[in-house]
Amino acid sequence: MAQIIRKSRTPAYCDVSAETLHYVLEGLLPPGQVLALNSTFGILTVLKTQGGLPQQGAMQQFTAAELGALLPLLTSYPHYCPYEVLMAGYYGNITEKTITYYRNILFDAVEKHEIDMVIRPVRRILSRIRFKLRKFDMTVNSIFETGYILRPTPLMQATLLQEHIS
């Protein structure tokens, strides 16, 4: 009898005990909103309360490869996420050993002037993530020769600033 093997959509490094991860991204989302990530299906949702009742906001599905790069960005917020951590996440296994491995690859690539070629797959996936995060009024900004960071879109930044002033 043939054995059916179901491929998991969750990256291998994403060893989470809870199926849903919650992120309170202060300064990125309006107060009272939380991002919920269903790690099994790769669905990111904004949860908010309105009139004392919980409501679901924007929702977007991410592929396993996109999740591999998105999870380190979400986890490292409000700080930047270094290239080597993004590469480890993208290739599926974030451990100290793999981060050191990718850090060494990046150092060698810089010395050989091949950094663009080495980081290109991560840049491509971040481009897709950036497009999908627009639904949440978020973007991914590059920090020159360092890594990437989650930021609100200019419109959301103005809204958050206005709420802070009021």
N, C-alpha and C. Protein backbone atom coordinates (compact mmCIF):
# COMPACT_ATOMS: atom_id res chain seq x y z
N MET A 1 0.84 -1.16 0.00
CA MET A 1 0.00 0.00 0.00
C MET A 1 0.89 1.24 0.00
N ALA A 2 0.50 2.23 -0.80
CA ALA A 2 1.26 3.47 -0.90
C ALA A 2 1.07 4.30 0.36
N GLN A 3 2.15 4.90 0.78
CA GLN A 3 2.10 5.74 1.97
C GLN A 3 1.95 7.19 1.54
N ILE A 4 1.02 7.90 2.14
CA ILE A 4 0.79 9.30 1.82
C ILE A 4 1.59 10.14 2.81
N ILE A 5 2.43 11.00 2.26
CA ILE A 5 3.24 11.88 3.09
C ILE A 5 2.75 13.30 2.87
N ARG A 6 2.37 13.94 3.95
CA ARG A 6 1.90 15.33 3.88
C ARG A 6 3.07 16.25 4.17
N LYS A 7 3.36 17.12 3.23
CA LYS A 7 4.45 18.07 3.41
C LYS A 7 3.97 19.21 4.30
N SER A 8 4.74 19.50 5.32
CA SER A 8 4.40 20.59 6.23
C SER A 8 4.67 21.92 5.57
N ARG A 9 3.78 22.88 5.79
CA ARG A 9 3.96 24.21 5.22
C ARG A 9 4.77 25.10 6.15
N THR A 10 5.07 24.61 7.33
CA THR A 10 5.83 25.38 8.29
C THR A 10 7.31 25.07 8.12
N PRO A 11 8.16 26.10 8.08
CA PRO A 11 9.60 25.85 7.95
C PRO A 11 10.10 24.96 9.08
N ALA A 12 11.15 24.20 8.80
CA ALA A 12 11.68 23.25 9.77
C ALA A 12 12.15 23.91 11.05
N TYR A 13 12.70 25.12 10.98
CA TYR A 13 13.22 25.76 12.18
C TYR A 13 12.12 26.27 13.08
N CYS A 14 10.92 26.40 12.55
CA CYS A 14 9.81 26.99 13.30
C CYS A 14 9.24 25.95 14.26
N ASP A 15 10.00 25.63 15.28
CA ASP A 15 9.58 24.64 16.26
C ASP A 15 8.76 25.35 17.33
N VAL A 16 7.49 25.52 17.04
CA VAL A 16 6.63 26.25 17.96
C VAL A 16 5.67 25.29 18.63
N SER A 17 5.45 25.51 19.93
CA SER A 17 4.53 24.65 20.64
C SER A 17 3.09 25.09 20.38
N ALA A 18 2.91 26.37 20.13
CA ALA A 18 1.57 26.89 19.84
C ALA A 18 1.40 27.01 18.33
N GLU A 19 0.21 26.69 17.86
CA GLU A 19 -0.06 26.80 16.44
C GLU A 19 -0.15 28.26 16.01
N THR A 20 -0.61 29.13 16.91
CA THR A 20 -0.75 30.55 16.60
C THR A 20 0.22 31.36 17.46
N LEU A 21 1.00 32.18 16.78
CA LEU A 21 1.94 33.08 17.45
C LEU A 21 1.36 34.48 17.43
N HIS A 22 1.49 35.20 18.53
CA HIS A 22 0.96 36.56 18.62
C HIS A 22 2.10 37.55 18.75
N TYR A 23 1.99 38.66 18.03
CA TYR A 23 3.02 39.70 18.04
C TYR A 23 2.36 41.04 18.33
N VAL A 24 2.78 41.67 19.43
CA VAL A 24 2.34 43.02 19.75
C VAL A 24 3.46 43.93 19.24
N LEU A 25 3.22 44.59 18.13
CA LEU A 25 4.26 45.39 17.48
C LEU A 25 4.00 46.87 17.74
N GLU A 26 4.38 47.30 18.94
CA GLU A 26 4.15 48.68 19.34
C GLU A 26 4.93 49.63 18.43
N GLY A 27 4.24 50.62 17.91
CA GLY A 27 4.86 51.56 16.99
C GLY A 27 4.72 51.15 15.54
N LEU A 28 4.26 49.94 15.31
CA LEU A 28 4.05 49.45 13.96
C LEU A 28 2.56 49.27 13.68
N LEU A 29 1.83 48.93 14.72
CA LEU A 29 0.37 48.78 14.64
C LEU A 29 -0.27 49.79 15.59
N PRO A 30 -1.48 50.22 15.28
CA PRO A 30 -2.19 51.10 16.22
C PRO A 30 -2.40 50.39 17.56
N PRO A 31 -2.54 51.17 18.64
CA PRO A 31 -2.77 50.56 19.96
C PRO A 31 -4.00 49.65 19.94
N GLY A 32 -3.89 48.53 20.63
CA GLY A 32 -5.02 47.60 20.71
C GLY A 32 -5.05 46.57 19.59
N GLN A 33 -4.09 46.65 18.66
CA GLN A 33 -4.04 45.66 17.57
C GLN A 33 -2.86 44.72 17.78
N VAL A 34 -3.07 43.47 17.38
CA VAL A 34 -2.07 42.42 17.53
C VAL A 34 -2.02 41.63 16.23
N LEU A 35 -0.83 41.18 15.85
CA LEU A 35 -0.70 40.28 14.71
C LEU A 35 -0.76 38.85 15.22
N ALA A 36 -1.55 38.03 14.57
CA ALA A 36 -1.63 36.61 14.91
C ALA A 36 -1.16 35.83 13.69
N LEU A 37 -0.19 34.95 13.87
CA LEU A 37 0.35 34.15 12.78
C LEU A 37 0.04 32.69 13.03
N ASN A 38 -0.78 32.11 12.16
CA ASN A 38 -1.04 30.68 12.20
C ASN A 38 0.13 30.02 11.49
N SER A 39 1.02 29.41 12.27
CA SER A 39 2.25 28.86 11.70
C SER A 39 2.01 27.60 10.87
N THR A 40 0.89 26.95 11.04
CA THR A 40 0.58 25.76 10.26
C THR A 40 0.21 26.11 8.83
N PHE A 41 -0.63 27.11 8.67
CA PHE A 41 -1.11 27.49 7.34
C PHE A 41 -0.46 28.75 6.80
N GLY A 42 0.38 29.40 7.59
CA GLY A 42 1.07 30.60 7.13
C GLY A 42 0.17 31.80 6.97
N ILE A 43 -0.87 31.90 7.79
CA ILE A 43 -1.82 33.00 7.68
C ILE A 43 -1.54 34.04 8.76
N LEU A 44 -1.29 35.26 8.32
CA LEU A 44 -1.05 36.38 9.22
C LEU A 44 -2.31 37.22 9.26
N THR A 45 -2.79 37.54 10.47
CA THR A 45 -4.04 38.27 10.65
C THR A 45 -3.85 39.37 11.68
N VAL A 46 -4.51 40.49 11.44
CA VAL A 46 -4.55 41.56 12.45
C VAL A 46 -5.78 41.32 13.30
N LEU A 47 -5.59 41.29 14.62
CA LEU A 47 -6.70 41.17 15.56
C LEU A 47 -6.82 42.50 16.28
N LYS A 48 -8.05 42.99 16.38
CA LYS A 48 -8.28 44.27 17.06
C LYS A 48 -9.58 44.20 17.84
N THR A 49 -9.75 45.12 18.76
CA THR A 49 -11.00 45.19 19.49
C THR A 49 -11.73 46.46 19.08
N GLN A 50 -13.01 46.30 18.88
CA GLN A 50 -13.85 47.43 18.52
C GLN A 50 -15.14 47.31 19.31
N GLY A 51 -15.42 48.31 20.11
CA GLY A 51 -16.60 48.26 20.96
C GLY A 51 -16.51 47.16 21.99
N GLY A 52 -15.29 46.82 22.42
CA GLY A 52 -15.10 45.78 23.42
C GLY A 52 -15.15 44.37 22.87
N LEU A 53 -15.36 44.21 21.56
CA LEU A 53 -15.43 42.89 20.94
C LEU A 53 -14.22 42.66 20.04
N PRO A 54 -13.66 41.45 20.07
CA PRO A 54 -12.53 41.17 19.18
C PRO A 54 -12.99 41.09 17.73
N GLN A 55 -12.18 41.64 16.83
CA GLN A 55 -12.48 41.59 15.40
C GLN A 55 -11.23 41.23 14.63
N GLN A 56 -11.47 40.63 13.49
CA GLN A 56 -10.39 40.25 12.59
C GLN A 56 -10.21 41.35 11.56
N GLY A 57 -8.97 41.76 11.35
CA GLY A 57 -8.68 42.79 10.35
C GLY A 57 -8.10 42.16 9.10
N ALA A 58 -7.07 42.79 8.57
CA ALA A 58 -6.42 42.31 7.35
C ALA A 58 -5.87 40.90 7.56
N MET A 59 -5.85 40.14 6.46
CA MET A 59 -5.38 38.76 6.52
C MET A 59 -4.59 38.46 5.24
N GLN A 60 -3.50 37.72 5.37
CA GLN A 60 -2.67 37.38 4.21
C GLN A 60 -2.00 36.04 4.46
N GLN A 61 -1.90 35.23 3.39
CA GLN A 61 -1.23 33.94 3.52
C GLN A 61 0.18 34.04 2.95
N PHE A 62 1.12 33.40 3.63
CA PHE A 62 2.52 33.40 3.23
C PHE A 62 2.97 31.97 2.95
N THR A 63 3.85 31.81 1.97
CA THR A 63 4.41 30.49 1.67
C THR A 63 5.40 30.12 2.76
N ALA A 64 5.84 28.87 2.76
CA ALA A 64 6.82 28.41 3.75
C ALA A 64 8.12 29.20 3.63
N ALA A 65 8.56 29.46 2.41
CA ALA A 65 9.79 30.24 2.21
C ALA A 65 9.62 31.66 2.72
N GLU A 66 8.47 32.26 2.47
CA GLU A 66 8.20 33.61 2.96
C GLU A 66 8.15 33.63 4.49
N LEU A 67 7.54 32.61 5.07
CA LEU A 67 7.50 32.52 6.54
C LEU A 67 8.90 32.42 7.13
N GLY A 68 9.76 31.70 6.41
CA GLY A 68 11.14 31.55 6.88
C GLY A 68 11.85 32.87 7.07
N ALA A 69 11.55 33.84 6.21
CA ALA A 69 12.16 35.17 6.32
C ALA A 69 11.31 36.11 7.17
N LEU A 70 10.00 35.91 7.19
CA LEU A 70 9.11 36.81 7.94
C LEU A 70 9.23 36.61 9.45
N LEU A 71 9.31 35.36 9.90
CA LEU A 71 9.36 35.09 11.34
C LEU A 71 10.53 35.79 12.04
N PRO A 72 11.75 35.75 11.48
CA PRO A 72 12.84 36.48 12.15
C PRO A 72 12.60 37.99 12.18
N LEU A 73 11.96 38.54 11.14
CA LEU A 73 11.66 39.97 11.13
C LEU A 73 10.67 40.32 12.24
N LEU A 74 9.62 39.50 12.37
CA LEU A 74 8.62 39.74 13.41
C LEU A 74 9.22 39.57 14.81
N THR A 75 10.03 38.56 14.97
CA THR A 75 10.62 38.26 16.27
C THR A 75 11.62 39.33 16.69
N SER A 76 12.37 39.88 15.75
CA SER A 76 13.39 40.86 16.10
C SER A 76 12.85 42.28 16.25
N TYR A 77 11.60 42.53 15.81
CA TYR A 77 11.04 43.88 15.92
C TYR A 77 11.01 44.30 17.38
N PRO A 78 11.37 45.50 17.75
CA PRO A 78 11.58 46.71 16.97
C PRO A 78 13.01 46.90 16.46
N HIS A 79 13.84 45.89 16.63
CA HIS A 79 15.22 45.98 16.18
C HIS A 79 15.33 45.41 14.76
N TYR A 80 16.46 45.63 14.14
CA TYR A 80 16.66 45.10 12.80
C TYR A 80 16.99 43.61 12.88
N CYS A 81 16.84 42.94 11.76
CA CYS A 81 17.17 41.52 11.66
C CYS A 81 18.39 41.40 10.75
N PRO A 82 19.51 40.88 11.24
CA PRO A 82 20.73 40.78 10.43
C PRO A 82 20.56 39.83 9.25
N TYR A 83 21.38 40.07 8.22
CA TYR A 83 21.36 39.22 7.02
C TYR A 83 21.49 37.74 7.36
N GLU A 84 22.42 37.41 8.26
CA GLU A 84 22.69 36.00 8.53
C GLU A 84 21.50 35.30 9.17
N VAL A 85 20.72 36.02 9.98
CA VAL A 85 19.53 35.43 10.60
C VAL A 85 18.45 35.23 9.54
N LEU A 86 18.30 36.21 8.64
CA LEU A 86 17.33 36.07 7.55
C LEU A 86 17.69 34.89 6.65
N MET A 87 18.98 34.75 6.35
CA MET A 87 19.41 33.64 5.50
C MET A 87 19.15 32.30 6.19
N ALA A 88 19.46 32.23 7.49
CA ALA A 88 19.21 30.99 8.23
C ALA A 88 17.73 30.66 8.23
N GLY A 89 16.88 31.67 8.42
CA GLY A 89 15.44 31.45 8.40
C GLY A 89 14.94 31.05 7.03
N TYR A 90 15.43 31.72 6.01
CA TYR A 90 15.01 31.44 4.64
C TYR A 90 15.38 30.01 4.24
N TYR A 91 16.58 29.59 4.63
CA TYR A 91 17.01 28.24 4.28
C TYR A 91 16.54 27.20 5.28
N GLY A 92 15.78 27.63 6.31
CA GLY A 92 15.01 26.70 7.11
C GLY A 92 15.49 26.27 8.47
N ASN A 93 16.55 26.87 9.03
CA ASN A 93 16.99 26.37 10.32
C ASN A 93 17.74 27.46 11.08
N ILE A 94 17.10 28.11 12.03
CA ILE A 94 17.75 29.17 12.80
C ILE A 94 18.28 28.59 14.10
N THR A 95 19.58 28.40 14.13
CA THR A 95 20.30 28.00 15.34
C THR A 95 21.57 28.83 15.38
N GLU A 96 22.25 28.83 16.52
CA GLU A 96 23.52 29.57 16.61
C GLU A 96 24.51 29.06 15.56
N LYS A 97 24.50 27.76 15.36
CA LYS A 97 25.43 27.15 14.40
C LYS A 97 25.14 27.62 12.97
N THR A 98 23.87 27.63 12.57
CA THR A 98 23.55 28.05 11.20
C THR A 98 23.73 29.56 11.02
N ILE A 99 23.46 30.33 12.06
CA ILE A 99 23.67 31.78 11.97
C ILE A 99 25.16 32.06 11.78
N THR A 100 26.01 31.37 12.53
CA THR A 100 27.46 31.53 12.37
C THR A 100 27.90 31.08 10.98
N TYR A 101 27.33 29.99 10.50
CA TYR A 101 27.64 29.48 9.16
C TYR A 101 27.32 30.54 8.10
N TYR A 102 26.13 31.13 8.15
CA TYR A 102 25.75 32.14 7.16
C TYR A 102 26.52 33.45 7.36
N ARG A 103 26.89 33.76 8.58
CA ARG A 103 27.73 34.95 8.83
C ARG A 103 29.07 34.78 8.13
N ASN A 104 29.66 33.58 8.22
CA ASN A 104 30.93 33.31 7.55
C ASN A 104 30.79 33.37 6.03
N ILE A 105 29.69 32.85 5.52
CA ILE A 105 29.43 32.92 4.07
C ILE A 105 29.35 34.38 3.63
N LEU A 106 28.66 35.20 4.42
CA LEU A 106 28.53 36.62 4.08
C LEU A 106 29.88 37.34 4.14
N PHE A 107 30.69 37.04 5.15
CA PHE A 107 32.03 37.66 5.23
C PHE A 107 32.86 37.30 4.01
N ASP A 108 32.83 36.02 3.61
CA ASP A 108 33.57 35.59 2.42
C ASP A 108 33.04 36.28 1.17
N ALA A 109 31.73 36.42 1.09
CA ALA A 109 31.11 37.06 -0.08
C ALA A 109 31.50 38.53 -0.17
N VAL A 110 31.59 39.20 0.97
CA VAL A 110 32.00 40.61 0.97
C VAL A 110 33.44 40.72 0.48
N GLU A 111 34.31 39.85 0.96
CA GLU A 111 35.72 39.87 0.54
C GLU A 111 35.87 39.61 -0.95
N LYS A 112 35.02 38.74 -1.50
CA LYS A 112 35.10 38.39 -2.92
C LYS A 112 34.21 39.27 -3.79
N HIS A 113 33.58 40.28 -3.19
CA HIS A 113 32.66 41.19 -3.90
C HIS A 113 31.51 40.43 -4.55
N GLU A 114 31.00 39.41 -3.84
CA GLU A 114 29.89 38.59 -4.34
C GLU A 114 28.67 38.68 -3.43
N ILE A 115 28.61 39.71 -2.61
CA ILE A 115 27.52 39.83 -1.64
C ILE A 115 26.16 39.89 -2.31
N ASP A 116 26.07 40.60 -3.44
CA ASP A 116 24.78 40.70 -4.13
C ASP A 116 24.28 39.33 -4.58
N MET A 117 25.20 38.51 -5.07
CA MET A 117 24.81 37.18 -5.54
C MET A 117 24.37 36.29 -4.37
N VAL A 118 25.05 36.40 -3.25
CA VAL A 118 24.75 35.55 -2.09
C VAL A 118 23.42 35.94 -1.45
N ILE A 119 23.15 37.23 -1.37
CA ILE A 119 21.95 37.71 -0.68
C ILE A 119 20.73 37.78 -1.60
N ARG A 120 20.92 37.59 -2.90
CA ARG A 120 19.83 37.74 -3.87
C ARG A 120 18.58 36.91 -3.56
N PRO A 121 18.68 35.62 -3.20
CA PRO A 121 17.45 34.86 -2.89
C PRO A 121 16.64 35.46 -1.74
N VAL A 122 17.34 35.97 -0.73
CA VAL A 122 16.65 36.59 0.41
C VAL A 122 15.99 37.89 -0.03
N ARG A 123 16.67 38.66 -0.86
CA ARG A 123 16.09 39.91 -1.37
C ARG A 123 14.82 39.64 -2.18
N ARG A 124 14.85 38.58 -2.96
CA ARG A 124 13.66 38.23 -3.76
C ARG A 124 12.47 37.89 -2.86
N ILE A 125 12.73 37.09 -1.85
CA ILE A 125 11.63 36.69 -0.96
C ILE A 125 11.14 37.88 -0.15
N LEU A 126 12.05 38.78 0.23
CA LEU A 126 11.64 39.98 0.96
C LEU A 126 10.81 40.91 0.08
N SER A 127 11.07 40.89 -1.21
CA SER A 127 10.25 41.68 -2.13
C SER A 127 8.81 41.18 -2.11
N ARG A 128 8.64 39.86 -2.11
CA ARG A 128 7.28 39.29 -2.04
C ARG A 128 6.64 39.57 -0.69
N ILE A 129 7.42 39.47 0.38
CA ILE A 129 6.90 39.76 1.72
C ILE A 129 6.47 41.21 1.81
N ARG A 130 7.30 42.10 1.28
CA ARG A 130 7.00 43.54 1.30
C ARG A 130 5.66 43.81 0.63
N PHE A 131 5.43 43.16 -0.51
CA PHE A 131 4.17 43.32 -1.24
C PHE A 131 2.99 42.85 -0.39
N LYS A 132 3.13 41.71 0.26
CA LYS A 132 2.03 41.15 1.06
C LYS A 132 1.80 41.95 2.34
N LEU A 133 2.84 42.55 2.89
CA LEU A 133 2.69 43.32 4.12
C LEU A 133 2.00 44.66 3.90
N ARG A 134 1.86 45.09 2.66
CA ARG A 134 1.15 46.35 2.38
C ARG A 134 -0.26 46.32 2.94
N LYS A 135 -0.87 45.13 2.94
CA LYS A 135 -2.22 44.98 3.49
C LYS A 135 -2.28 45.39 4.96
N PHE A 136 -1.15 45.27 5.64
CA PHE A 136 -1.07 45.59 7.07
C PHE A 136 -0.47 46.97 7.31
N ASP A 137 -0.28 47.74 6.24
CA ASP A 137 0.37 49.06 6.30
C ASP A 137 1.77 48.95 6.90
N MET A 138 2.48 47.89 6.50
CA MET A 138 3.86 47.68 6.93
C MET A 138 4.73 47.50 5.70
N THR A 139 6.01 47.73 5.90
CA THR A 139 6.98 47.47 4.84
C THR A 139 8.26 46.93 5.47
N VAL A 140 9.16 46.46 4.62
CA VAL A 140 10.45 45.97 5.06
C VAL A 140 11.50 46.90 4.47
N ASN A 141 12.28 47.55 5.34
CA ASN A 141 13.32 48.47 4.88
C ASN A 141 14.69 47.83 5.03
N SER A 142 15.54 48.13 4.08
CA SER A 142 16.91 47.65 4.10
C SER A 142 17.78 48.59 4.94
N ILE A 143 18.69 48.01 5.69
CA ILE A 143 19.70 48.78 6.41
C ILE A 143 21.03 48.40 5.76
N PHE A 144 21.67 49.35 5.13
CA PHE A 144 22.85 49.13 4.30
C PHE A 144 23.88 48.21 4.97
N GLU A 145 24.20 47.12 4.29
CA GLU A 145 25.20 46.13 4.71
C GLU A 145 24.99 45.60 6.12
N THR A 146 23.75 45.58 6.58
CA THR A 146 23.47 45.14 7.94
C THR A 146 22.34 44.12 8.00
N GLY A 147 21.17 44.50 7.47
CA GLY A 147 20.01 43.63 7.53
C GLY A 147 18.76 44.36 7.10
N TYR A 148 17.63 43.94 7.67
CA TYR A 148 16.33 44.52 7.32
C TYR A 148 15.54 44.77 8.60
N ILE A 149 14.56 45.68 8.49
CA ILE A 149 13.74 46.03 9.64
C ILE A 149 12.31 46.27 9.18
N LEU A 150 11.35 45.89 10.01
CA LEU A 150 9.94 46.18 9.74
C LEU A 150 9.66 47.63 10.09
N ARG A 151 8.91 48.30 9.22
CA ARG A 151 8.54 49.70 9.44
C ARG A 151 7.09 49.91 8.98
N PRO A 152 6.42 50.89 9.57
CA PRO A 152 5.09 51.24 9.05
C PRO A 152 5.24 51.95 7.71
N THR A 153 4.24 51.82 6.86
CA THR A 153 4.25 52.58 5.61
C THR A 153 4.14 54.06 5.97
N PRO A 154 4.54 54.96 5.06
CA PRO A 154 4.46 56.40 5.38
C PRO A 154 3.07 56.84 5.83
N LEU A 155 2.02 56.31 5.20
CA LEU A 155 0.66 56.67 5.59
C LEU A 155 0.35 56.22 7.02
N MET A 156 0.73 54.98 7.35
CA MET A 156 0.50 54.47 8.70
C MET A 156 1.35 55.23 9.71
N GLN A 157 2.56 55.58 9.33
CA GLN A 157 3.44 56.32 10.23
C GLN A 157 2.81 57.67 10.58
N ALA A 158 2.23 58.33 9.59
CA ALA A 158 1.55 59.61 9.83
C ALA A 158 0.35 59.41 10.75
N THR A 159 -0.40 58.33 10.53
CA THR A 159 -1.57 58.03 11.37
C THR A 159 -1.15 57.76 12.81
N LEU A 160 -0.10 56.96 12.99
CA LEU A 160 0.38 56.64 14.34
C LEU A 160 0.90 57.90 15.04
N LEU A 161 1.57 58.76 14.29
CA LEU A 161 2.08 60.01 14.86
C LEU A 161 0.92 60.90 15.28
N GLN A 162 -0.11 60.98 14.45
CA GLN A 162 -1.29 61.80 14.76
C GLN A 162 -1.98 61.28 16.02
N GLU A 163 -2.11 59.95 16.14
CA GLU A 163 -2.74 59.36 17.34
C GLU A 163 -1.90 59.63 18.58
N HIS A 164 -0.58 59.62 18.41
CA HIS A 164 0.31 59.86 19.54
C HIS A 164 0.21 61.31 20.03
N ILE A 165 0.04 62.24 19.08
CA ILE A 165 -0.06 63.66 19.42
C ILE A 165 -1.39 63.96 20.10
N SER A 166 -2.46 63.29 19.65
CA SER A 166 -3.81 63.57 20.17
C SER A 166 -3.98 63.15 21.60
